[in-house]
Amino acid sequence: MKLGSLKEGGRDGTLIVVDRALRRAVRATGIAPTLQKALDDWVAVSPRLAELAQRLAEDKAPGTFTFDTKLLAAPLPRAFQWADGSAYVVHVELVRKARGVEMPPSFWTDPLMYQGGSDSFIGPNDDIEAGDEAWGIDFEGEIGVIVDDVPMGVSAEAARRHIRLVTILNDVSLRNLIVTELAKGFGFFHGKPATAFAPVAVTPDELGDAWDGGRLGLPLISTLNGKEFGQPNAATDLTFDFGQLIAHAARTRHLEAGTVVGSGTVANRDAAVGCSCIAERRVRETIAGGKPLTPFMAFGDRIRIEMLDRAGRSIFGAIDQKVVRYTMPG
């Protein structure tokens, strides 16, 4: 089952069911007006959504329309919580190596995680707005999961059973602002603007044997200005799977239905597969040649992030965004 949200009906959008080919869709308002409402009562609502998905597949659903990603918000236009991990420790290791900083051994056993802004996610074709190119505009291709209610203290094994939806995302980063923020010793804020999501989020059964319950074994493809930037496999070199990340987030608190948990930048140790963010490529260039060569994004640049199944079909649809200069309304 593939679910998305139209930019209509208010800030939380209108829930739609999308066919597997990402060609047709139907509003699900007779079942749940929004994805958040569906997640709030998932056990009761999801079978009805699955029935609607089946009717759509059989061309028996009334009110179907052509699927157009330009009309979409993020699957969850806003969420009660957005917790982003750094599950590919090889990525962290590279960054610290380029800075000449030793990585604490605990990073391999205790996940890194930050709590980001979730009051306003953006859709797959929404512009990346920035006030200044000097901020160091970067994309970060990630995997994300959306959970139902998760109890505090849950085990990693039990946490995997709370994953209701899987998607991909662009955790936009302003690298030159992050440097000064981290120097304060209190974490990110200005350096992490609105996160963009794929057109749809899918139930794990849509992923077949590429999904093992906690990790997704397919390449994440990033294309910058029409040229492939990287295609690391999302299961290779993954230090912490989503069960471990969810359990980490729930160590001292309950997680409410609709909480989004991110993997952090997908990264592989093998440099030949490329990168899922500019910062990692710059780090590799610094290690290899003493200085970074690849610039961060400029106004007018376009980033596309997508994942294909083993038959070459898009699973979530593509995140396809342009970087633009922000101007204050009015």
C-alpha atoms as a PDB file:
ATOM      1  CA  MET A   1       0.000   0.000   0.000  1.00  0.00           C
ATOM      2  CA  LYS A   2       1.292   3.439  -0.975  1.00  0.00           C
ATOM      3  CA  LEU A   3       0.022   6.572   0.755  1.00  0.00           C
ATOM      4  CA  GLY A   4       0.481  10.276   0.111  1.00  0.00           C
ATOM      5  CA  SER A   5      -1.050  13.650   0.961  1.00  0.00           C
ATOM      6  CA  LEU A   6      -2.467  16.269  -1.376  1.00  0.00           C
ATOM      7  CA  LYS A   7      -1.900  19.963  -0.667  1.00  0.00           C
ATOM      8  CA  GLU A   8      -5.539  20.539   0.174  1.00  0.00           C
ATOM      9  CA  GLY A   9      -7.856  20.394   3.140  1.00  0.00           C
ATOM     10  CA  GLY A  10      -5.658  22.306   5.566  1.00  0.00           C
ATOM     11  CA  ARG A  11      -2.164  22.046   6.985  1.00  0.00           C
ATOM     12  CA  ASP A  12      -2.270  18.261   7.341  1.00  0.00           C
ATOM     13  CA  GLY A  13      -3.290  17.684   3.727  1.00  0.00           C
ATOM     14  CA  THR A  14      -5.717  15.129   2.312  1.00  0.00           C
ATOM     15  CA  LEU A  15      -4.845  11.436   2.498  1.00  0.00           C
ATOM     16  CA  ILE A  16      -4.666   9.549  -0.790  1.00  0.00           C
ATOM     17  CA  VAL A  17      -3.990   5.951  -1.775  1.00  0.00           C
ATOM     18  CA  VAL A  18      -1.656   5.570  -4.761  1.00  0.00           C
ATOM     19  CA  ASP A  19      -1.290   2.597  -7.092  1.00  0.00           C
ATOM     20  CA  ARG A  20       1.947   0.629  -7.252  1.00  0.00           C
ATOM     21  CA  ALA A  21       2.916   2.135 -10.603  1.00  0.00           C
ATOM     22  CA  LEU A  22       2.584   5.671  -9.184  1.00  0.00           C
ATOM     23  CA  ARG A  23       0.182   6.603 -11.973  1.00  0.00           C
ATOM     24  CA  ARG A  24      -3.246   6.824 -10.365  1.00  0.00           C
ATOM     25  CA  ALA A  25      -4.583   7.775  -6.962  1.00  0.00           C
ATOM     26  CA  VAL A  26      -7.807   8.119  -5.019  1.00  0.00           C
ATOM     27  CA  ARG A  27      -8.755  10.214  -2.007  1.00  0.00           C
ATOM     28  CA  ALA A  28      -9.204   8.216   1.184  1.00  0.00           C
ATOM     29  CA  THR A  29     -11.251  10.824   3.025  1.00  0.00           C
ATOM     30  CA  GLY A  30     -14.135   8.388   3.574  1.00  0.00           C
ATOM     31  CA  ILE A  31     -11.751   6.294   5.689  1.00  0.00           C
ATOM     32  CA  ALA A  32      -9.372   8.857   7.208  1.00  0.00           C
ATOM     33  CA  PRO A  33      -9.046  12.536   6.277  1.00  0.00           C
ATOM     34  CA  THR A  34      -5.290  12.673   6.900  1.00  0.00           C
ATOM     35  CA  LEU A  35      -2.389  10.274   7.297  1.00  0.00           C
ATOM     36  CA  GLN A  36      -2.012  11.312  10.924  1.00  0.00           C
ATOM     37  CA  LYS A  37      -5.627  10.301  11.607  1.00  0.00           C
ATOM     38  CA  ALA A  38      -4.955   6.952   9.961  1.00  0.00           C
ATOM     39  CA  LEU A  39      -1.875   6.386  12.111  1.00  0.00           C
ATOM     40  CA  ASP A  40      -3.790   7.318  15.260  1.00  0.00           C
ATOM     41  CA  ASP A  41      -6.063   4.300  14.694  1.00  0.00           C
ATOM     42  CA  TRP A  42      -3.913   2.183  12.412  1.00  0.00           C
ATOM     43  CA  VAL A  43      -5.179  -1.272  13.443  1.00  0.00           C
ATOM     44  CA  ALA A  44      -8.744  -0.361  12.526  1.00  0.00           C
ATOM     45  CA  VAL A  45      -8.028   1.950   9.584  1.00  0.00           C
ATOM     46  CA  SER A  46      -5.236   0.182   7.667  1.00  0.00           C
ATOM     47  CA  PRO A  47      -7.364  -2.799   6.506  1.00  0.00           C
ATOM     48  CA  ARG A  48      -9.873  -0.369   4.994  1.00  0.00           C
ATOM     49  CA  LEU A  49      -7.088   1.532   3.262  1.00  0.00           C
ATOM     50  CA  ALA A  50      -5.747  -1.780   1.942  1.00  0.00           C
ATOM     51  CA  GLU A  51      -9.183  -2.598   0.545  1.00  0.00           C
ATOM     52  CA  LEU A  52      -9.269   0.776  -1.205  1.00  0.00           C
ATOM     53  CA  ALA A  53      -5.791   0.093  -2.608  1.00  0.00           C
ATOM     54  CA  GLN A  54      -7.033  -3.220  -3.990  1.00  0.00           C
ATOM     55  CA  ARG A  55     -10.063  -1.557  -5.594  1.00  0.00           C
ATOM     56  CA  LEU A  56      -7.717   1.015  -7.121  1.00  0.00           C
ATOM     57  CA  ALA A  57      -5.529  -1.760  -8.524  1.00  0.00           C
ATOM     58  CA  GLU A  58      -8.620  -3.400 -10.062  1.00  0.00           C
ATOM     59  CA  ASP A  59      -9.819  -0.064 -11.485  1.00  0.00           C
ATOM     60  CA  LYS A  60     -12.944  -0.265  -9.328  1.00  0.00           C
ATOM     61  CA  ALA A  61     -12.330   2.748  -7.045  1.00  0.00           C
ATOM     62  CA  PRO A  62     -14.590   5.736  -7.781  1.00  0.00           C
ATOM     63  CA  GLY A  63     -13.013   9.172  -8.018  1.00  0.00           C
ATOM     64  CA  THR A  64      -9.578   8.121  -9.236  1.00  0.00           C
ATOM     65  CA  PHE A  65      -7.297  10.759 -10.727  1.00  0.00           C
ATOM     66  CA  THR A  66      -3.876  11.016 -12.365  1.00  0.00           C
ATOM     67  CA  PHE A  67      -1.055  10.996  -9.839  1.00  0.00           C
ATOM     68  CA  ASP A  68       0.880  14.284 -10.020  1.00  0.00           C
ATOM     69  CA  THR A  69       3.726  14.827  -7.563  1.00  0.00           C
ATOM     70  CA  LYS A  70       3.535  18.601  -7.980  1.00  0.00           C
ATOM     71  CA  LEU A  71       0.229  18.508  -6.088  1.00  0.00           C
ATOM     72  CA  LEU A  72       1.705  16.698  -3.103  1.00  0.00           C
ATOM     73  CA  ALA A  73       2.812  17.703   0.328  1.00  0.00           C
ATOM     74  CA  ALA A  74       5.056  15.389   2.314  1.00  0.00           C
ATOM     75  CA  PRO A  75       3.147  12.168   3.180  1.00  0.00           C
ATOM     76  CA  LEU A  76       2.992  13.629   6.697  1.00  0.00           C
ATOM     77  CA  PRO A  77       2.968  17.405   6.093  1.00  0.00           C
ATOM     78  CA  ARG A  78       3.782  17.913   9.762  1.00  0.00           C
ATOM     79  CA  ALA A  79       4.509  15.421  12.510  1.00  0.00           C
ATOM     80  CA  PHE A  80       4.488  15.349  16.268  1.00  0.00           C
ATOM     81  CA  GLN A  81       8.142  14.305  16.289  1.00  0.00           C
ATOM     82  CA  TRP A  82      11.087  14.017  13.892  1.00  0.00           C
ATOM     83  CA  ALA A  83      14.077  12.115  15.283  1.00  0.00           C
ATOM     84  CA  ASP A  84      17.008  11.736  12.914  1.00  0.00           C
ATOM     85  CA  GLY A  85      19.779   9.282  13.602  1.00  0.00           C
ATOM     86  CA  SER A  86      23.239   8.821  12.156  1.00  0.00           C
ATOM     87  CA  ALA A  87      23.073   5.099  11.545  1.00  0.00           C
ATOM     88  CA  TYR A  88      25.915   4.960   8.997  1.00  0.00           C
ATOM     89  CA  VAL A  89      28.830   5.448  11.344  1.00  0.00           C
ATOM     90  CA  VAL A  90      31.247   5.199   8.421  1.00  0.00           C
ATOM     91  CA  HIS A  91      29.913   8.625   7.374  1.00  0.00           C
ATOM     92  CA  VAL A  92      30.669  10.106  10.803  1.00  0.00           C
ATOM     93  CA  GLU A  93      34.092   8.435  10.805  1.00  0.00           C
ATOM     94  CA  LEU A  94      35.008  10.043   7.475  1.00  0.00           C
ATOM     95  CA  VAL A  95      33.928  13.520   8.575  1.00  0.00           C
ATOM     96  CA  ARG A  96      35.941  13.323  11.770  1.00  0.00           C
ATOM     97  CA  LYS A  97      38.967  11.889   9.958  1.00  0.00           C
ATOM     98  CA  ALA A  98      39.019  14.866   7.597  1.00  0.00           C
ATOM     99  CA  ARG A  99      39.011  17.177  10.626  1.00  0.00           C
ATOM    100  CA  GLY A 100      41.804  15.195  12.275  1.00  0.00           C
ATOM    101  CA  VAL A 101      39.524  14.295  15.187  1.00  0.00           C
ATOM    102  CA  GLU A 102      39.491  10.821  16.691  1.00  0.00           C
ATOM    103  CA  MET A 103      36.067   9.160  16.878  1.00  0.00           C
ATOM    104  CA  PRO A 104      34.986   7.902  20.302  1.00  0.00           C
ATOM    105  CA  PRO A 105      34.498   4.087  20.364  1.00  0.00           C
ATOM    106  CA  SER A 106      30.996   4.609  21.811  1.00  0.00           C
ATOM    107  CA  PHE A 107      29.792   5.891  18.425  1.00  0.00           C
ATOM    108  CA  TRP A 108      29.794   2.271  17.218  1.00  0.00           C
ATOM    109  CA  THR A 109      27.526   1.078  20.038  1.00  0.00           C
ATOM    110  CA  ASP A 110      25.345   4.065  20.996  1.00  0.00           C
ATOM    111  CA  PRO A 111      23.443   5.779  18.144  1.00  0.00           C
ATOM    112  CA  LEU A 112      23.760   9.481  17.464  1.00  0.00           C
ATOM    113  CA  MET A 113      20.373  11.193  17.158  1.00  0.00           C
ATOM    114  CA  TYR A 114      18.989  14.722  17.079  1.00  0.00           C
ATOM    115  CA  GLN A 115      15.443  16.040  17.347  1.00  0.00           C
ATOM    116  CA  GLY A 116      14.623  18.174  14.318  1.00  0.00           C
ATOM    117  CA  GLY A 117      11.844  20.532  13.376  1.00  0.00           C
ATOM    118  CA  SER A 118       8.681  18.678  12.367  1.00  0.00           C
ATOM    119  CA  ASP A 119       6.124  21.485  12.329  1.00  0.00           C
ATOM    120  CA  SER A 120       6.519  21.958   8.563  1.00  0.00           C
ATOM    121  CA  PHE A 121       7.878  19.262   6.280  1.00  0.00           C
ATOM    122  CA  ILE A 122       7.936  20.037   2.547  1.00  0.00           C
ATOM    123  CA  GLY A 123       6.797  18.096  -0.483  1.00  0.00           C
ATOM    124  CA  PRO A 124       8.837  16.226  -3.091  1.00  0.00           C
ATOM    125  CA  ASN A 125       8.854  19.072  -5.622  1.00  0.00           C
ATOM    126  CA  ASP A 126       8.933  22.036  -3.232  1.00  0.00           C
ATOM    127  CA  ASP A 127      11.870  24.412  -3.597  1.00  0.00           C
ATOM    128  CA  ILE A 128      14.757  24.395  -1.153  1.00  0.00           C
ATOM    129  CA  GLU A 129      14.653  27.987   0.077  1.00  0.00           C
ATOM    130  CA  ALA A 130      17.786  29.611   1.485  1.00  0.00           C
ATOM    131  CA  GLY A 131      18.699  33.190   2.258  1.00  0.00           C
ATOM    132  CA  ASP A 132      22.337  32.959   1.198  1.00  0.00           C
ATOM    133  CA  GLU A 133      24.484  30.558  -0.841  1.00  0.00           C
ATOM    134  CA  ALA A 134      27.233  31.166   1.725  1.00  0.00           C
ATOM    135  CA  TRP A 135      25.246  29.065   4.206  1.00  0.00           C
ATOM    136  CA  GLY A 136      26.664  25.915   2.538  1.00  0.00           C
ATOM    137  CA  ILE A 137      23.494  24.375   1.093  1.00  0.00           C
ATOM    138  CA  ASP A 138      23.606  20.579   1.011  1.00  0.00           C
ATOM    139  CA  PHE A 139      21.228  17.676   0.462  1.00  0.00           C
ATOM    140  CA  GLU A 140      21.178  14.487   2.533  1.00  0.00           C
ATOM    141  CA  GLY A 141      19.548  11.375   1.102  1.00  0.00           C
ATOM    142  CA  GLU A 142      18.078   9.215   3.853  1.00  0.00           C
ATOM    143  CA  ILE A 143      15.624   6.425   4.603  1.00  0.00           C
ATOM    144  CA  GLY A 144      12.811   7.217   7.032  1.00  0.00           C
ATOM    145  CA  VAL A 145      10.168   5.214   8.867  1.00  0.00           C
ATOM    146  CA  ILE A 146       6.893   6.275  10.448  1.00  0.00           C
ATOM    147  CA  VAL A 147       5.734   4.433  13.563  1.00  0.00           C
ATOM    148  CA  ASP A 148       2.560   3.913  15.542  1.00  0.00           C
ATOM    149  CA  ASP A 149       2.499   4.351  19.333  1.00  0.00           C
ATOM    150  CA  VAL A 150       5.781   3.049  20.762  1.00  0.00           C
ATOM    151  CA  PRO A 151       6.120   2.414  24.510  1.00  0.00           C
ATOM    152  CA  MET A 152       9.069   3.758  26.465  1.00  0.00           C
ATOM    153  CA  GLY A 153      11.810   1.188  26.999  1.00  0.00           C
ATOM    154  CA  VAL A 154      10.869  -0.936  23.976  1.00  0.00           C
ATOM    155  CA  SER A 155      13.445  -3.469  22.780  1.00  0.00           C
ATOM    156  CA  ALA A 156      14.945  -3.200  19.307  1.00  0.00           C
ATOM    157  CA  GLU A 157      13.199  -6.424  18.272  1.00  0.00           C
ATOM    158  CA  ALA A 158       9.793  -5.203  19.459  1.00  0.00           C
ATOM    159  CA  ALA A 159      10.410  -1.730  17.977  1.00  0.00           C
ATOM    160  CA  ARG A 160      10.589  -3.177  14.473  1.00  0.00           C
ATOM    161  CA  ARG A 161       6.961  -4.274  14.820  1.00  0.00           C
ATOM    162  CA  HIS A 162       5.908  -0.643  15.295  1.00  0.00           C
ATOM    163  CA  ILE A 163       7.133   0.423  11.840  1.00  0.00           C
ATOM    164  CA  ARG A 164       4.040   1.165   9.776  1.00  0.00           C
ATOM    165  CA  LEU A 165       5.456   3.061   6.802  1.00  0.00           C
ATOM    166  CA  VAL A 166       8.791   3.489   5.038  1.00  0.00           C
ATOM    167  CA  THR A 167       9.888   6.382   2.806  1.00  0.00           C
ATOM    168  CA  ILE A 168      12.913   8.360   1.635  1.00  0.00           C
ATOM    169  CA  LEU A 169      13.765  11.959   2.456  1.00  0.00           C
ATOM    170  CA  ASN A 170      16.091  14.884   1.889  1.00  0.00           C
ATOM    171  CA  ASP A 171      17.332  16.187   5.227  1.00  0.00           C
ATOM    172  CA  VAL A 172      18.549  19.543   3.909  1.00  0.00           C
ATOM    173  CA  SER A 173      21.604  20.869   5.748  1.00  0.00           C
ATOM    174  CA  LEU A 174      23.252  24.288   5.833  1.00  0.00           C
ATOM    175  CA  ARG A 175      26.800  23.143   6.481  1.00  0.00           C
ATOM    176  CA  ASN A 176      28.437  26.488   7.192  1.00  0.00           C
ATOM    177  CA  LEU A 177      25.794  27.311   9.801  1.00  0.00           C
ATOM    178  CA  ILE A 178      26.136  23.875  11.405  1.00  0.00           C
ATOM    179  CA  VAL A 179      29.839  24.489  12.078  1.00  0.00           C
ATOM    180  CA  THR A 180      29.158  27.549  14.221  1.00  0.00           C
ATOM    181  CA  GLU A 181      26.176  25.932  15.940  1.00  0.00           C
ATOM    182  CA  LEU A 182      28.091  22.810  16.943  1.00  0.00           C
ATOM    183  CA  ALA A 183      30.844  25.016  18.337  1.00  0.00           C
ATOM    184  CA  LYS A 184      28.316  26.236  20.914  1.00  0.00           C
ATOM    185  CA  GLY A 185      27.958  22.664  22.176  1.00  0.00           C
ATOM    186  CA  PHE A 186      24.171  22.645  22.070  1.00  0.00           C
ATOM    187  CA  GLY A 187      23.252  20.987  18.746  1.00  0.00           C
ATOM    188  CA  PHE A 188      21.559  21.947  15.480  1.00  0.00           C
ATOM    189  CA  PHE A 189      18.920  24.575  14.861  1.00  0.00           C
ATOM    190  CA  HIS A 190      19.510  27.068  12.040  1.00  0.00           C
ATOM    191  CA  GLY A 191      21.598  24.508  10.163  1.00  0.00           C
ATOM    192  CA  LYS A 192      18.625  22.176   9.670  1.00  0.00           C
ATOM    193  CA  PRO A 193      15.802  23.808   7.676  1.00  0.00           C
ATOM    194  CA  ALA A 194      12.635  22.031   6.490  1.00  0.00           C
ATOM    195  CA  THR A 195      13.050  18.391   5.497  1.00  0.00           C
ATOM    196  CA  ALA A 196      11.612  17.187   2.162  1.00  0.00           C
ATOM    197  CA  PHE A 197       9.961  13.806   1.674  1.00  0.00           C
ATOM    198  CA  ALA A 198       9.226  11.498  -1.250  1.00  0.00           C
ATOM    199  CA  PRO A 199       5.772  11.570  -2.846  1.00  0.00           C
ATOM    200  CA  VAL A 200       4.619   8.474  -0.980  1.00  0.00           C
ATOM    201  CA  ALA A 201       5.286   6.398   2.087  1.00  0.00           C
ATOM    202  CA  VAL A 202       4.734   2.648   1.712  1.00  0.00           C
ATOM    203  CA  THR A 203       3.817  -0.223   3.977  1.00  0.00           C
ATOM    204  CA  PRO A 204       6.757  -2.606   4.481  1.00  0.00           C
ATOM    205  CA  ASP A 205       5.091  -5.400   2.494  1.00  0.00           C
ATOM    206  CA  GLU A 206       5.489  -3.249  -0.655  1.00  0.00           C
ATOM    207  CA  LEU A 207       9.276  -3.677  -0.347  1.00  0.00           C
ATOM    208  CA  GLY A 208       9.318  -7.461  -0.619  1.00  0.00           C
ATOM    209  CA  ASP A 209      12.551  -9.194   0.324  1.00  0.00           C
ATOM    210  CA  ALA A 210      14.466  -5.906   0.106  1.00  0.00           C
ATOM    211  CA  TRP A 211      13.080  -5.154   3.582  1.00  0.00           C
ATOM    212  CA  ASP A 212      14.203  -7.381   6.461  1.00  0.00           C
ATOM    213  CA  GLY A 213      12.145  -5.698   9.167  1.00  0.00           C
ATOM    214  CA  GLY A 214      14.722  -3.089  10.065  1.00  0.00           C
ATOM    215  CA  ARG A 215      16.760  -2.232   6.982  1.00  0.00           C
ATOM    216  CA  LEU A 216      16.162  -1.647   3.281  1.00  0.00           C
ATOM    217  CA  GLY A 217      18.612  -3.387   0.950  1.00  0.00           C
ATOM    218  CA  LEU A 218      18.463  -1.209  -2.170  1.00  0.00           C
ATOM    219  CA  PRO A 219      20.592   1.653  -3.526  1.00  0.00           C
ATOM    220  CA  LEU A 220      19.519   5.241  -2.863  1.00  0.00           C
ATOM    221  CA  ILE A 221      20.217   7.230  -6.017  1.00  0.00           C
ATOM    222  CA  SER A 222      21.095  10.936  -5.825  1.00  0.00           C
ATOM    223  CA  THR A 223      21.375  13.011  -8.993  1.00  0.00           C
ATOM    224  CA  LEU A 224      22.706  16.579  -8.835  1.00  0.00           C
ATOM    225  CA  ASN A 225      22.044  18.815 -11.850  1.00  0.00           C
ATOM    226  CA  GLY A 226      21.368  15.792 -14.044  1.00  0.00           C
ATOM    227  CA  LYS A 227      24.542  13.902 -13.110  1.00  0.00           C
ATOM    228  CA  GLU A 228      24.512  10.902 -10.797  1.00  0.00           C
ATOM    229  CA  PHE A 229      26.137  11.796  -7.484  1.00  0.00           C
ATOM    230  CA  GLY A 230      25.872   8.478  -5.673  1.00  0.00           C
ATOM    231  CA  GLN A 231      24.005   5.220  -5.260  1.00  0.00           C
ATOM    232  CA  PRO A 232      25.087   3.630  -1.964  1.00  0.00           C
ATOM    233  CA  ASN A 233      23.080   0.638  -0.801  1.00  0.00           C
ATOM    234  CA  ALA A 234      20.959   1.506   2.210  1.00  0.00           C
ATOM    235  CA  ALA A 235      21.660  -1.807   3.971  1.00  0.00           C
ATOM    236  CA  THR A 236      25.417  -1.942   3.390  1.00  0.00           C
ATOM    237  CA  ASP A 237      27.548  -0.538   6.231  1.00  0.00           C
ATOM    238  CA  LEU A 238      24.428   0.275   8.277  1.00  0.00           C
ATOM    239  CA  THR A 239      25.577   0.207  11.895  1.00  0.00           C
ATOM    240  CA  PHE A 240      22.147   0.588  13.531  1.00  0.00           C
ATOM    241  CA  ASP A 241      18.928  -0.677  11.954  1.00  0.00           C
ATOM    242  CA  PHE A 242      15.574   1.001  12.485  1.00  0.00           C
ATOM    243  CA  GLY A 243      14.668  -1.265  15.392  1.00  0.00           C
ATOM    244  CA  GLN A 244      17.769  -0.031  17.217  1.00  0.00           C
ATOM    245  CA  LEU A 245      17.115   3.601  16.275  1.00  0.00           C
ATOM    246  CA  ILE A 246      13.490   3.485  17.458  1.00  0.00           C
ATOM    247  CA  ALA A 247      14.494   1.766  20.699  1.00  0.00           C
ATOM    248  CA  HIS A 248      17.132   4.460  21.235  1.00  0.00           C
ATOM    249  CA  ALA A 249      14.567   7.229  20.695  1.00  0.00           C
ATOM    250  CA  ALA A 250      12.130   5.535  23.088  1.00  0.00           C
ATOM    251  CA  ARG A 251      14.631   4.920  25.863  1.00  0.00           C
ATOM    252  CA  THR A 252      13.256   7.696  28.103  1.00  0.00           C
ATOM    253  CA  ARG A 253       9.916   8.583  26.488  1.00  0.00           C
ATOM    254  CA  HIS A 254       6.919   7.167  24.678  1.00  0.00           C
ATOM    255  CA  LEU A 255       6.815   7.853  20.936  1.00  0.00           C
ATOM    256  CA  GLU A 256       3.433   8.956  19.668  1.00  0.00           C
ATOM    257  CA  ALA A 257       1.878   7.613  16.467  1.00  0.00           C
ATOM    258  CA  GLY A 258       3.208   9.576  13.520  1.00  0.00           C
ATOM    259  CA  THR A 259       6.739   9.959  14.868  1.00  0.00           C
ATOM    260  CA  VAL A 260       9.232   9.937  11.987  1.00  0.00           C
ATOM    261  CA  VAL A 261      12.657   8.335  12.519  1.00  0.00           C
ATOM    262  CA  GLY A 262      15.444   8.939   9.996  1.00  0.00           C
ATOM    263  CA  SER A 263      18.519   6.878   9.222  1.00  0.00           C
ATOM    264  CA  GLY A 264      20.926   9.729   8.660  1.00  0.00           C
ATOM    265  CA  THR A 265      22.867  10.106   5.414  1.00  0.00           C
ATOM    266  CA  VAL A 266      23.073   6.790   3.565  1.00  0.00           C
ATOM    267  CA  ALA A 267      26.760   5.998   3.191  1.00  0.00           C
ATOM    268  CA  ASN A 268      28.957   3.068   2.162  1.00  0.00           C
ATOM    269  CA  ARG A 269      32.637   2.591   2.867  1.00  0.00           C
ATOM    270  CA  ASP A 270      33.243   1.886  -0.836  1.00  0.00           C
ATOM    271  CA  ALA A 271      33.962   5.265  -2.450  1.00  0.00           C
ATOM    272  CA  ALA A 272      33.080   3.905  -5.897  1.00  0.00           C
ATOM    273  CA  VAL A 273      29.341   3.987  -5.151  1.00  0.00           C
ATOM    274  CA  GLY A 274      29.418   7.735  -4.523  1.00  0.00           C
ATOM    275  CA  CYS A 275      27.758   9.747  -1.788  1.00  0.00           C
ATOM    276  CA  SER A 276      24.337  10.833  -0.560  1.00  0.00           C
ATOM    277  CA  CYS A 277      25.478  14.334   0.395  1.00  0.00           C
ATOM    278  CA  ILE A 278      28.031  16.888  -0.789  1.00  0.00           C
ATOM    279  CA  ALA A 279      29.745  17.097   2.597  1.00  0.00           C
ATOM    280  CA  GLU A 280      30.851  13.463   2.403  1.00  0.00           C
ATOM    281  CA  ARG A 281      32.286  13.908  -1.088  1.00  0.00           C
ATOM    282  CA  ARG A 282      34.179  16.987   0.114  1.00  0.00           C
ATOM    283  CA  VAL A 283      35.535  14.956   3.031  1.00  0.00           C
ATOM    284  CA  ARG A 284      36.714  12.186   0.710  1.00  0.00           C
ATOM    285  CA  GLU A 285      38.363  14.792  -1.529  1.00  0.00           C
ATOM    286  CA  THR A 286      40.106  16.333   1.478  1.00  0.00           C
ATOM    287  CA  ILE A 287      41.411  12.950   2.642  1.00  0.00           C
ATOM    288  CA  ALA A 288      42.612  12.068  -0.856  1.00  0.00           C
ATOM    289  CA  GLY A 289      44.037  15.398  -1.992  1.00  0.00           C
ATOM    290  CA  GLY A 290      44.244  17.746   0.952  1.00  0.00           C
ATOM    291  CA  LYS A 291      41.292  19.983   0.069  1.00  0.00           C
ATOM    292  CA  PRO A 292      37.629  19.801  -0.995  1.00  0.00           C
ATOM    293  CA  LEU A 293      36.807  20.394  -4.654  1.00  0.00           C
ATOM    294  CA  THR A 294      33.034  19.998  -4.941  1.00  0.00           C
ATOM    295  CA  PRO A 295      31.075  23.159  -4.053  1.00  0.00           C
ATOM    296  CA  PHE A 296      27.899  23.154  -2.045  1.00  0.00           C
ATOM    297  CA  MET A 297      24.677  23.866  -3.917  1.00  0.00           C
ATOM    298  CA  ALA A 298      23.947  27.222  -5.489  1.00  0.00           C
ATOM    299  CA  PHE A 299      20.698  28.918  -6.445  1.00  0.00           C
ATOM    300  CA  GLY A 300      19.273  27.180  -9.504  1.00  0.00           C
ATOM    301  CA  ASP A 301      20.822  23.788  -8.703  1.00  0.00           C
ATOM    302  CA  ARG A 302      18.523  20.775  -8.752  1.00  0.00           C
ATOM    303  CA  ILE A 303      18.708  17.615  -6.634  1.00  0.00           C
ATOM    304  CA  ARG A 304      16.831  14.389  -7.345  1.00  0.00           C
ATOM    305  CA  ILE A 305      16.696  11.484  -4.872  1.00  0.00           C
ATOM    306  CA  GLU A 306      15.015   8.185  -5.726  1.00  0.00           C
ATOM    307  CA  MET A 307      15.027   4.458  -4.966  1.00  0.00           C
ATOM    308  CA  LEU A 308      14.216   1.788  -7.550  1.00  0.00           C
ATOM    309  CA  ASP A 309      13.135  -1.776  -6.919  1.00  0.00           C
ATOM    310  CA  ARG A 310      15.022  -4.678  -8.477  1.00  0.00           C
ATOM    311  CA  ALA A 311      12.895  -4.377 -11.617  1.00  0.00           C
ATOM    312  CA  GLY A 312      13.907  -0.738 -12.030  1.00  0.00           C
ATOM    313  CA  ARG A 313      10.578   0.754 -10.896  1.00  0.00           C
ATOM    314  CA  SER A 314      10.412   3.752  -8.599  1.00  0.00           C
ATOM    315  CA  ILE A 315       9.176   2.717  -5.158  1.00  0.00           C
ATOM    316  CA  PHE A 316       8.459   6.043  -3.457  1.00  0.00           C
ATOM    317  CA  GLY A 317       8.560   8.401  -6.424  1.00  0.00           C
ATOM    318  CA  ALA A 318      11.329  10.964  -6.732  1.00  0.00           C
ATOM    319  CA  ILE A 319      12.265  13.912  -4.575  1.00  0.00           C
ATOM    320  CA  ASP A 320      13.074  16.528  -7.221  1.00  0.00           C
ATOM    321  CA  GLN A 321      13.876  20.017  -5.883  1.00  0.00           C
ATOM    322  CA  LYS A 322      15.453  23.265  -7.003  1.00  0.00           C
ATOM    323  CA  VAL A 323      17.476  25.555  -4.739  1.00  0.00           C
ATOM    324  CA  VAL A 324      16.085  29.114  -4.727  1.00  0.00           C
ATOM    325  CA  ARG A 325      16.787  32.355  -2.909  1.00  0.00           C
ATOM    326  CA  TYR A 326      14.240  33.029  -0.177  1.00  0.00           C
ATOM    327  CA  THR A 327      12.507  36.375  -0.160  1.00  0.00           C
ATOM    328  CA  MET A 328      10.300  37.587   2.654  1.00  0.00           C
ATOM    329  CA  PRO A 329       6.599  37.771   1.633  1.00  0.00           C
ATOM    330  CA  GLY A 330       5.213  41.264   1.181  1.00  0.00           C
END
